[in-house]
Structure formats: structure tokens, C-alpha cells
Amino acid sequence: MNVKFVIRPLEASFPICRPKFLEDIVNQHGTIDRIWFSPGHIFISVQEGKQLLTVDAQRLDNQQNNSGVHIILDTGSKLLAVLKGVPHTVYTVQSNGCVLCWSFKQDSGWSLSQRFDICNAPTAEVIDICYNISHNTIFWCEKRQSSSNKPAYCICRRQLKGVMQ
């Protein structure tokens, strides 16, 4: 069995390496807030984190109209994180505690497959979040208003049953 390796420049497969591509995103959607990477996908938040764009990496000769940018989330709450689940699955976490599960299929793109809330109080705000894959558990810092009008910060955790696996 012969294995043949071919080396291609990164720019041939990964459009984010092209400065003009980034300029076009900024010109069309506004300043880039954050960028997350997942195998085969790039997630870009714009509009102060309230809109999420996705770029699905593919060879340039396979791209149609060379755009490749899709809006998958447009919300009034700031996007905090894009967490990787199983292959072709990501979870977007908003500051209001809303978690959305997105699944990717090559022929149809991104689709929303699940939604759940993680905040323990109605006025709470998620400050940061992380996912421990070995325990299938998410941990987050939640900011709550106390009776003394000073914010209280709580570290919360939730083991997920079949959600991110």
C-alpha cells in the first residue's frame, strides 16, 4: 500500500488566512469580537458578541461564490463561548444562560438541535464557562444580585446526561 502525502499551502483550504476575507467580514458585519476554532469550522462573533458567523473550511476550488460565511445566531444576549461537543457539534453559550446545541451536516449546514438554560436565578448572568469532557460536566461562574445590591459570584456545575456526548 502506497501512501502519498500532498502538501498544500494553508491558504488553499483555510479562507481565514486570507486578509481580504477578514476585511470583507468586518466591512459587511462589523468589528470582530471573538474567534473560536473547531475542526473544519471557524466561528466569529460580531456586533459586540450578539451575532455568530460560521465559516466552514473547504478547499477553495470547492467553494461557491467564495463567501462561505453563514449567520447561525443573532441574539440580544452576548455570546460567551463556543464549546466543542462530539464531531460536528458545538454548543453556544450566551451571557443570559441560554445554551444552544448546533449540529453540522455537509449537505445542509448548521441546524439547531437542542436548547437549555443553565442560570439558577432569573436575573443571573453567566460570566464564564468551561466544559470538562472526561466528566461530561460544564462549570460556569454566575453573577447574581444580592440583597445588599452588591453582586455575588457563584461557581456552578452541571453534569450533562447525553447532551454533549
N, C-alpha and C. Protein backbone atom coordinates (compact mmCIF):
# COMPACT_ATOMS: atom_id res chain seq x y z
N MET A 1 0.84 -1.18 0.00
CA MET A 1 0.00 0.00 0.00
C MET A 1 0.88 1.24 0.00
N ASN A 2 0.71 2.07 -0.99
CA ASN A 2 1.45 3.31 -1.08
C ASN A 2 0.61 4.46 -0.55
N VAL A 3 1.21 5.24 0.29
CA VAL A 3 0.54 6.43 0.81
C VAL A 3 1.25 7.64 0.24
N LYS A 4 0.49 8.51 -0.36
CA LYS A 4 1.06 9.71 -0.96
C LYS A 4 0.59 10.93 -0.18
N PHE A 5 1.52 11.70 0.30
CA PHE A 5 1.20 12.92 1.02
C PHE A 5 1.36 14.11 0.09
N VAL A 6 0.44 15.02 0.18
CA VAL A 6 0.49 16.23 -0.63
C VAL A 6 0.47 17.41 0.33
N ILE A 7 1.41 18.30 0.14
CA ILE A 7 1.46 19.50 0.98
C ILE A 7 0.87 20.65 0.18
N ARG A 8 -0.14 21.29 0.76
CA ARG A 8 -0.78 22.45 0.14
C ARG A 8 -0.62 23.63 1.08
N PRO A 9 -0.55 24.82 0.51
CA PRO A 9 -0.49 25.99 1.39
C PRO A 9 -1.78 26.10 2.21
N LEU A 10 -1.66 26.58 3.42
CA LEU A 10 -2.81 26.72 4.30
C LEU A 10 -3.90 27.57 3.66
N GLU A 11 -3.50 28.58 2.91
CA GLU A 11 -4.48 29.47 2.27
C GLU A 11 -5.38 28.74 1.28
N ALA A 12 -4.95 27.58 0.77
CA ALA A 12 -5.75 26.84 -0.20
C ALA A 12 -6.96 26.18 0.44
N SER A 13 -6.92 25.93 1.74
CA SER A 13 -8.01 25.25 2.42
C SER A 13 -8.71 26.10 3.47
N PHE A 14 -8.01 27.03 4.02
CA PHE A 14 -8.50 27.75 5.19
C PHE A 14 -8.67 29.23 4.85
N PRO A 15 -9.87 29.66 4.49
CA PRO A 15 -10.04 31.02 3.99
C PRO A 15 -9.72 32.12 4.99
N ILE A 16 -9.67 31.82 6.26
CA ILE A 16 -9.42 32.84 7.27
C ILE A 16 -7.99 33.37 7.17
N CYS A 17 -7.11 32.64 6.50
CA CYS A 17 -5.72 33.08 6.35
C CYS A 17 -5.58 34.17 5.30
N ARG A 18 -6.65 34.46 4.58
CA ARG A 18 -6.61 35.49 3.55
C ARG A 18 -7.06 36.81 4.15
N PRO A 19 -6.19 37.80 4.23
CA PRO A 19 -6.55 39.08 4.85
C PRO A 19 -7.79 39.72 4.21
N LYS A 20 -7.96 39.63 2.91
CA LYS A 20 -9.12 40.22 2.23
C LYS A 20 -10.41 39.59 2.75
N PHE A 21 -10.38 38.32 3.05
CA PHE A 21 -11.56 37.62 3.56
C PHE A 21 -11.99 38.23 4.89
N LEU A 22 -11.04 38.46 5.80
CA LEU A 22 -11.35 39.09 7.09
C LEU A 22 -11.84 40.52 6.90
N GLU A 23 -11.22 41.25 6.00
CA GLU A 23 -11.67 42.62 5.73
C GLU A 23 -13.11 42.64 5.25
N ASP A 24 -13.46 41.68 4.38
CA ASP A 24 -14.84 41.61 3.88
C ASP A 24 -15.83 41.34 5.01
N ILE A 25 -15.45 40.48 5.96
CA ILE A 25 -16.33 40.19 7.10
C ILE A 25 -16.54 41.45 7.93
N VAL A 26 -15.46 42.17 8.22
CA VAL A 26 -15.56 43.40 9.01
C VAL A 26 -16.41 44.44 8.27
N ASN A 27 -16.18 44.59 6.97
CA ASN A 27 -16.95 45.57 6.20
C ASN A 27 -18.43 45.23 6.14
N GLN A 28 -18.76 43.96 6.07
CA GLN A 28 -20.16 43.56 5.94
C GLN A 28 -20.88 43.41 7.28
N HIS A 29 -20.17 42.93 8.33
CA HIS A 29 -20.83 42.58 9.59
C HIS A 29 -20.37 43.40 10.79
N GLY A 30 -19.34 44.20 10.66
CA GLY A 30 -18.85 44.98 11.79
C GLY A 30 -17.60 44.37 12.41
N THR A 31 -17.09 45.01 13.42
CA THR A 31 -15.86 44.59 14.07
C THR A 31 -15.98 43.19 14.66
N ILE A 32 -14.91 42.42 14.49
CA ILE A 32 -14.87 41.06 15.03
C ILE A 32 -14.67 41.14 16.54
N ASP A 33 -15.51 40.44 17.29
CA ASP A 33 -15.45 40.42 18.75
C ASP A 33 -14.54 39.29 19.24
N ARG A 34 -14.83 38.06 18.80
CA ARG A 34 -14.04 36.88 19.18
C ARG A 34 -14.06 35.87 18.06
N ILE A 35 -13.07 34.97 18.09
CA ILE A 35 -12.99 33.89 17.11
C ILE A 35 -12.74 32.59 17.86
N TRP A 36 -13.47 31.54 17.48
CA TRP A 36 -13.28 30.19 18.01
C TRP A 36 -13.01 29.26 16.85
N PHE A 37 -12.22 28.22 17.11
CA PHE A 37 -11.91 27.24 16.08
C PHE A 37 -12.40 25.87 16.49
N SER A 38 -12.87 25.13 15.54
CA SER A 38 -13.28 23.75 15.71
C SER A 38 -12.84 23.05 14.44
N PRO A 39 -12.49 21.77 14.48
CA PRO A 39 -12.02 21.11 13.25
C PRO A 39 -12.99 21.34 12.08
N GLY A 40 -12.49 21.99 11.04
CA GLY A 40 -13.28 22.24 9.85
C GLY A 40 -14.17 23.46 9.91
N HIS A 41 -14.18 24.18 11.03
CA HIS A 41 -15.10 25.31 11.18
C HIS A 41 -14.42 26.44 11.95
N ILE A 42 -14.81 27.65 11.61
CA ILE A 42 -14.37 28.83 12.33
C ILE A 42 -15.63 29.58 12.74
N PHE A 43 -15.68 30.02 13.98
CA PHE A 43 -16.83 30.76 14.49
C PHE A 43 -16.36 32.17 14.84
N ILE A 44 -17.08 33.16 14.34
CA ILE A 44 -16.69 34.56 14.51
C ILE A 44 -17.88 35.31 15.09
N SER A 45 -17.67 35.95 16.26
CA SER A 45 -18.75 36.77 16.81
C SER A 45 -18.50 38.23 16.42
N VAL A 46 -19.59 38.89 16.03
CA VAL A 46 -19.56 40.29 15.63
C VAL A 46 -20.71 41.01 16.34
N GLN A 47 -20.89 42.29 16.05
CA GLN A 47 -21.96 43.08 16.67
C GLN A 47 -21.89 43.01 18.20
N GLU A 48 -20.68 43.21 18.74
CA GLU A 48 -20.43 43.16 20.18
C GLU A 48 -20.81 41.81 20.78
N GLY A 49 -20.58 40.75 20.03
CA GLY A 49 -20.85 39.39 20.51
C GLY A 49 -22.29 38.95 20.39
N LYS A 50 -23.12 39.70 19.71
CA LYS A 50 -24.54 39.36 19.63
C LYS A 50 -24.93 38.65 18.34
N GLN A 51 -23.95 38.45 17.46
CA GLN A 51 -24.21 37.72 16.22
C GLN A 51 -23.06 36.75 15.99
N LEU A 52 -23.39 35.52 15.61
CA LEU A 52 -22.37 34.50 15.38
C LEU A 52 -22.37 34.10 13.91
N LEU A 53 -21.18 34.19 13.31
CA LEU A 53 -20.99 33.77 11.93
C LEU A 53 -20.18 32.48 11.96
N THR A 54 -20.38 31.64 10.96
CA THR A 54 -19.55 30.45 10.84
C THR A 54 -18.95 30.40 9.45
N VAL A 55 -17.70 29.97 9.40
CA VAL A 55 -17.01 29.74 8.15
C VAL A 55 -16.66 28.26 8.16
N ASP A 56 -17.19 27.53 7.21
CA ASP A 56 -16.93 26.10 7.13
C ASP A 56 -15.80 25.89 6.14
N ALA A 57 -14.63 25.49 6.67
CA ALA A 57 -13.43 25.37 5.85
C ALA A 57 -13.59 24.30 4.79
N GLN A 58 -13.21 24.65 3.59
CA GLN A 58 -13.20 23.71 2.48
C GLN A 58 -12.20 24.21 1.46
N ARG A 59 -11.81 23.34 0.58
CA ARG A 59 -10.85 23.74 -0.45
C ARG A 59 -11.46 24.85 -1.29
N LEU A 60 -10.62 25.78 -1.69
CA LEU A 60 -11.12 26.93 -2.45
C LEU A 60 -11.77 26.52 -3.75
N ASP A 61 -11.28 25.46 -4.40
CA ASP A 61 -11.89 25.05 -5.66
C ASP A 61 -13.26 24.42 -5.45
N ASN A 62 -13.63 24.11 -4.20
CA ASN A 62 -14.96 23.57 -3.90
C ASN A 62 -15.94 24.64 -3.42
N GLN A 63 -15.45 25.84 -3.15
CA GLN A 63 -16.33 26.88 -2.63
C GLN A 63 -17.12 27.52 -3.75
N GLN A 64 -18.37 27.80 -3.48
CA GLN A 64 -19.19 28.54 -4.42
C GLN A 64 -19.20 29.99 -3.98
N ASN A 65 -19.09 30.87 -4.88
CA ASN A 65 -19.05 32.33 -4.71
C ASN A 65 -18.04 32.79 -3.67
N ASN A 66 -17.19 31.87 -3.21
CA ASN A 66 -16.05 32.20 -2.36
C ASN A 66 -16.44 32.92 -1.08
N SER A 67 -17.71 32.88 -0.67
CA SER A 67 -18.08 33.57 0.56
C SER A 67 -17.90 32.65 1.75
N GLY A 68 -18.70 31.60 1.83
CA GLY A 68 -18.56 30.63 2.90
C GLY A 68 -18.96 31.12 4.27
N VAL A 69 -19.53 32.31 4.42
CA VAL A 69 -19.91 32.86 5.72
C VAL A 69 -21.41 32.69 5.90
N HIS A 70 -21.80 32.13 7.04
CA HIS A 70 -23.21 31.93 7.32
C HIS A 70 -23.52 32.47 8.71
N ILE A 71 -24.64 33.14 8.87
CA ILE A 71 -25.08 33.61 10.18
C ILE A 71 -25.90 32.49 10.81
N ILE A 72 -25.46 31.98 11.97
CA ILE A 72 -26.25 30.93 12.62
C ILE A 72 -26.93 31.41 13.89
N LEU A 73 -26.51 32.55 14.42
CA LEU A 73 -27.09 33.02 15.67
C LEU A 73 -27.15 34.54 15.65
N ASP A 74 -28.30 35.08 15.96
CA ASP A 74 -28.49 36.52 16.04
C ASP A 74 -29.36 36.76 17.28
N THR A 75 -28.76 37.30 18.33
CA THR A 75 -29.46 37.37 19.61
C THR A 75 -29.22 38.71 20.30
N GLY A 76 -30.02 39.01 21.29
CA GLY A 76 -29.84 40.22 22.07
C GLY A 76 -28.88 40.03 23.23
N SER A 77 -28.48 38.79 23.50
CA SER A 77 -27.59 38.49 24.62
C SER A 77 -26.19 38.19 24.08
N LYS A 78 -25.18 38.62 24.81
CA LYS A 78 -23.80 38.45 24.36
C LYS A 78 -23.39 36.98 24.36
N LEU A 79 -22.72 36.58 23.30
CA LEU A 79 -22.19 35.23 23.17
C LEU A 79 -20.90 35.12 23.96
N LEU A 80 -20.82 34.15 24.87
CA LEU A 80 -19.63 33.98 25.70
C LEU A 80 -18.67 32.93 25.16
N ALA A 81 -19.21 31.83 24.67
CA ALA A 81 -18.33 30.72 24.29
C ALA A 81 -18.97 29.85 23.23
N VAL A 82 -18.09 29.19 22.48
CA VAL A 82 -18.48 28.12 21.58
C VAL A 82 -17.72 26.90 22.08
N LEU A 83 -18.45 25.92 22.63
CA LEU A 83 -17.85 24.72 23.21
C LEU A 83 -18.00 23.56 22.24
N LYS A 84 -16.93 22.79 22.08
CA LYS A 84 -16.96 21.64 21.17
C LYS A 84 -17.56 20.43 21.86
N GLY A 85 -18.48 19.77 21.19
CA GLY A 85 -19.04 18.50 21.65
C GLY A 85 -18.46 17.39 20.81
N VAL A 86 -19.28 16.43 20.45
CA VAL A 86 -18.85 15.36 19.55
C VAL A 86 -18.55 15.99 18.20
N PRO A 87 -17.88 15.25 17.29
CA PRO A 87 -17.59 15.83 15.98
C PRO A 87 -18.84 16.42 15.32
N HIS A 88 -18.66 17.58 14.73
CA HIS A 88 -19.71 18.31 14.01
C HIS A 88 -20.83 18.81 14.92
N THR A 89 -20.53 18.98 16.21
CA THR A 89 -21.50 19.52 17.16
C THR A 89 -20.81 20.57 18.02
N VAL A 90 -21.46 21.72 18.19
CA VAL A 90 -20.95 22.76 19.08
C VAL A 90 -22.10 23.28 19.93
N TYR A 91 -21.73 23.89 21.05
CA TYR A 91 -22.68 24.50 21.97
C TYR A 91 -22.33 25.96 22.11
N THR A 92 -23.29 26.83 21.83
CA THR A 92 -23.07 28.26 22.02
C THR A 92 -23.67 28.65 23.37
N VAL A 93 -22.92 29.43 24.13
CA VAL A 93 -23.36 29.83 25.47
C VAL A 93 -23.47 31.35 25.50
N GLN A 94 -24.64 31.84 25.89
CA GLN A 94 -24.90 33.27 25.96
C GLN A 94 -24.84 33.73 27.42
N SER A 95 -24.61 35.02 27.62
CA SER A 95 -24.47 35.55 28.98
C SER A 95 -25.75 35.41 29.80
N ASN A 96 -26.90 35.27 29.15
CA ASN A 96 -28.16 35.09 29.89
C ASN A 96 -28.39 33.63 30.31
N GLY A 97 -27.43 32.75 30.02
CA GLY A 97 -27.52 31.35 30.43
C GLY A 97 -28.12 30.42 29.39
N CYS A 98 -28.50 30.94 28.26
CA CYS A 98 -29.07 30.11 27.19
C CYS A 98 -27.95 29.35 26.48
N VAL A 99 -28.09 28.03 26.41
CA VAL A 99 -27.13 27.17 25.72
C VAL A 99 -27.86 26.54 24.53
N LEU A 100 -27.27 26.69 23.35
CA LEU A 100 -27.84 26.12 22.14
C LEU A 100 -26.90 25.09 21.56
N CYS A 101 -27.43 23.94 21.20
CA CYS A 101 -26.65 22.87 20.58
C CYS A 101 -26.86 22.94 19.07
N TRP A 102 -25.77 23.00 18.32
CA TRP A 102 -25.81 23.08 16.87
C TRP A 102 -25.13 21.85 16.28
N SER A 103 -25.74 21.27 15.26
CA SER A 103 -25.17 20.12 14.55
C SER A 103 -24.90 20.52 13.11
N PHE A 104 -23.80 20.01 12.56
CA PHE A 104 -23.43 20.35 11.19
C PHE A 104 -23.52 19.13 10.30
N LYS A 105 -24.15 19.33 9.14
CA LYS A 105 -24.17 18.31 8.09
C LYS A 105 -23.68 18.98 6.82
N GLN A 106 -22.80 18.30 6.11
CA GLN A 106 -22.17 18.88 4.92
C GLN A 106 -23.19 19.37 3.90
N ASP A 107 -24.27 18.62 3.72
CA ASP A 107 -25.24 18.99 2.68
C ASP A 107 -26.22 20.08 3.10
N SER A 108 -26.49 20.21 4.40
CA SER A 108 -27.50 21.19 4.83
C SER A 108 -26.96 22.28 5.75
N GLY A 109 -25.72 22.18 6.19
CA GLY A 109 -25.13 23.20 7.06
C GLY A 109 -25.51 23.01 8.52
N TRP A 110 -25.59 24.11 9.27
CA TRP A 110 -25.84 24.08 10.71
C TRP A 110 -27.33 24.07 11.00
N SER A 111 -27.72 23.26 11.98
CA SER A 111 -29.12 23.25 12.42
C SER A 111 -29.16 23.17 13.94
N LEU A 112 -30.13 23.85 14.53
CA LEU A 112 -30.31 23.86 15.98
C LEU A 112 -30.95 22.54 16.40
N SER A 113 -30.30 21.82 17.33
CA SER A 113 -30.84 20.53 17.73
C SER A 113 -31.30 20.48 19.19
N GLN A 114 -30.87 21.44 20.01
CA GLN A 114 -31.26 21.41 21.42
C GLN A 114 -31.05 22.78 22.04
N ARG A 115 -31.84 23.08 23.08
CA ARG A 115 -31.71 24.34 23.83
C ARG A 115 -31.95 24.04 25.30
N PHE A 116 -31.11 24.63 26.19
CA PHE A 116 -31.37 24.54 27.62
C PHE A 116 -30.76 25.76 28.31
N ASP A 117 -31.26 26.05 29.51
CA ASP A 117 -30.78 27.19 30.29
C ASP A 117 -29.99 26.69 31.49
N ILE A 118 -28.93 27.43 31.85
CA ILE A 118 -28.10 26.99 32.97
C ILE A 118 -28.16 27.92 34.18
N CYS A 119 -28.68 29.12 34.04
CA CYS A 119 -28.71 30.05 35.18
C CYS A 119 -29.66 29.55 36.26
N ASN A 120 -29.24 29.75 37.51
CA ASN A 120 -30.03 29.30 38.66
C ASN A 120 -30.96 30.37 39.21
N ALA A 121 -30.78 31.61 38.76
CA ALA A 121 -31.64 32.71 39.22
C ALA A 121 -32.08 33.50 37.99
N PRO A 122 -33.28 34.07 38.01
CA PRO A 122 -33.80 34.75 36.82
C PRO A 122 -32.97 35.96 36.37
N THR A 123 -32.32 36.65 37.31
CA THR A 123 -31.53 37.82 36.93
C THR A 123 -30.04 37.52 36.87
N ALA A 124 -29.67 36.26 36.95
CA ALA A 124 -28.25 35.88 36.94
C ALA A 124 -27.65 36.09 35.56
N GLU A 125 -26.33 36.26 35.56
CA GLU A 125 -25.58 36.43 34.31
C GLU A 125 -24.39 35.48 34.34
N VAL A 126 -24.18 34.76 33.26
CA VAL A 126 -23.02 33.87 33.15
C VAL A 126 -21.81 34.72 32.79
N ILE A 127 -20.75 34.59 33.59
CA ILE A 127 -19.53 35.36 33.36
C ILE A 127 -18.55 34.57 32.51
N ASP A 128 -18.41 33.27 32.78
CA ASP A 128 -17.51 32.41 32.02
C ASP A 128 -17.97 30.97 32.17
N ILE A 129 -17.54 30.11 31.24
CA ILE A 129 -17.98 28.71 31.25
C ILE A 129 -16.88 27.84 30.65
N CYS A 130 -16.82 26.59 31.11
CA CYS A 130 -15.91 25.62 30.50
C CYS A 130 -16.57 24.24 30.56
N TYR A 131 -16.09 23.35 29.73
CA TYR A 131 -16.64 22.00 29.62
C TYR A 131 -15.54 21.00 29.92
N ASN A 132 -15.79 20.10 30.88
CA ASN A 132 -14.86 19.02 31.20
C ASN A 132 -15.35 17.77 30.47
N ILE A 133 -14.65 17.41 29.40
CA ILE A 133 -15.10 16.32 28.55
C ILE A 133 -15.05 14.97 29.26
N SER A 134 -14.06 14.75 30.12
CA SER A 134 -13.93 13.44 30.76
C SER A 134 -15.06 13.17 31.76
N HIS A 135 -15.66 14.20 32.32
CA HIS A 135 -16.78 14.03 33.25
C HIS A 135 -18.12 14.46 32.64
N ASN A 136 -18.08 14.90 31.38
CA ASN A 136 -19.28 15.39 30.69
C ASN A 136 -20.02 16.41 31.57
N THR A 137 -19.25 17.37 32.08
CA THR A 137 -19.77 18.36 33.03
C THR A 137 -19.38 19.76 32.59
N ILE A 138 -20.31 20.69 32.74
CA ILE A 138 -19.97 22.09 32.49
C ILE A 138 -19.85 22.80 33.84
N PHE A 139 -18.93 23.74 33.91
CA PHE A 139 -18.72 24.59 35.07
C PHE A 139 -18.84 26.03 34.60
N TRP A 140 -19.52 26.86 35.38
CA TRP A 140 -19.63 28.25 34.99
C TRP A 140 -19.64 29.14 36.21
N CYS A 141 -19.26 30.39 36.00
CA CYS A 141 -19.32 31.42 37.03
C CYS A 141 -20.55 32.26 36.75
N GLU A 142 -21.39 32.39 37.76
CA GLU A 142 -22.66 33.09 37.63
C GLU A 142 -22.65 34.31 38.53
N LYS A 143 -23.00 35.46 37.99
CA LYS A 143 -23.09 36.70 38.76
C LYS A 143 -24.55 36.92 39.11
N ARG A 144 -24.82 37.08 40.41
CA ARG A 144 -26.20 37.30 40.89
C ARG A 144 -26.25 38.57 41.72
N GLN A 145 -27.41 39.19 41.73
CA GLN A 145 -27.61 40.36 42.59
C GLN A 145 -28.02 39.88 43.98
N SER A 146 -27.38 40.45 44.98
CA SER A 146 -27.72 40.08 46.36
C SER A 146 -28.63 41.15 46.96
N SER A 147 -29.10 40.89 48.15
CA SER A 147 -30.00 41.85 48.82
C SER A 147 -29.27 43.15 49.18
N SER A 148 -27.96 43.11 49.27
CA SER A 148 -27.19 44.32 49.60
C SER A 148 -26.79 45.11 48.35
N ASN A 149 -27.35 44.74 47.22
CA ASN A 149 -27.06 45.39 45.93
C ASN A 149 -25.61 45.24 45.49
N LYS A 150 -24.88 44.34 46.12
CA LYS A 150 -23.53 44.01 45.67
C LYS A 150 -23.62 42.67 44.95
N PRO A 151 -22.92 42.54 43.85
CA PRO A 151 -23.02 41.27 43.13
C PRO A 151 -22.39 40.13 43.91
N ALA A 152 -23.00 38.98 43.79
CA ALA A 152 -22.46 37.75 44.38
C ALA A 152 -22.07 36.84 43.22
N TYR A 153 -20.93 36.19 43.33
CA TYR A 153 -20.45 35.30 42.27
C TYR A 153 -20.50 33.87 42.77
N CYS A 154 -21.05 33.01 41.97
CA CYS A 154 -21.20 31.60 42.34
C CYS A 154 -20.58 30.73 41.26
N ILE A 155 -19.89 29.70 41.68
CA ILE A 155 -19.38 28.70 40.73
C ILE A 155 -20.39 27.56 40.72
N CYS A 156 -20.88 27.25 39.54
CA CYS A 156 -21.93 26.24 39.39
C CYS A 156 -21.42 25.11 38.50
N ARG A 157 -22.05 23.97 38.65
CA ARG A 157 -21.68 22.85 37.78
C ARG A 157 -22.92 22.05 37.47
N ARG A 158 -22.90 21.44 36.31
CA ARG A 158 -23.99 20.56 35.91
C ARG A 158 -23.42 19.43 35.08
N GLN A 159 -23.70 18.22 35.54
CA GLN A 159 -23.31 17.06 34.74
C GLN A 159 -24.39 16.87 33.68
N LEU A 160 -23.95 16.70 32.48
CA LEU A 160 -24.88 16.58 31.37
C LEU A 160 -25.08 15.11 31.03
N LYS A 161 -26.31 14.74 30.88
CA LYS A 161 -26.63 13.35 30.56
C LYS A 161 -26.97 13.26 29.09
N GLY A 162 -26.02 12.80 28.31
CA GLY A 162 -26.25 12.60 26.89
C GLY A 162 -26.37 13.87 26.09
N VAL A 163 -26.08 15.02 26.69
CA VAL A 163 -26.25 16.28 25.96
C VAL A 163 -25.06 16.55 25.05
N MET A 164 -23.85 16.53 25.60
CA MET A 164 -22.68 16.91 24.80
C MET A 164 -21.93 15.71 24.25
N GLN A 165 -22.37 14.53 24.53
CA GLN A 165 -21.63 13.35 24.08
C GLN A 165 -21.96 13.03 22.65
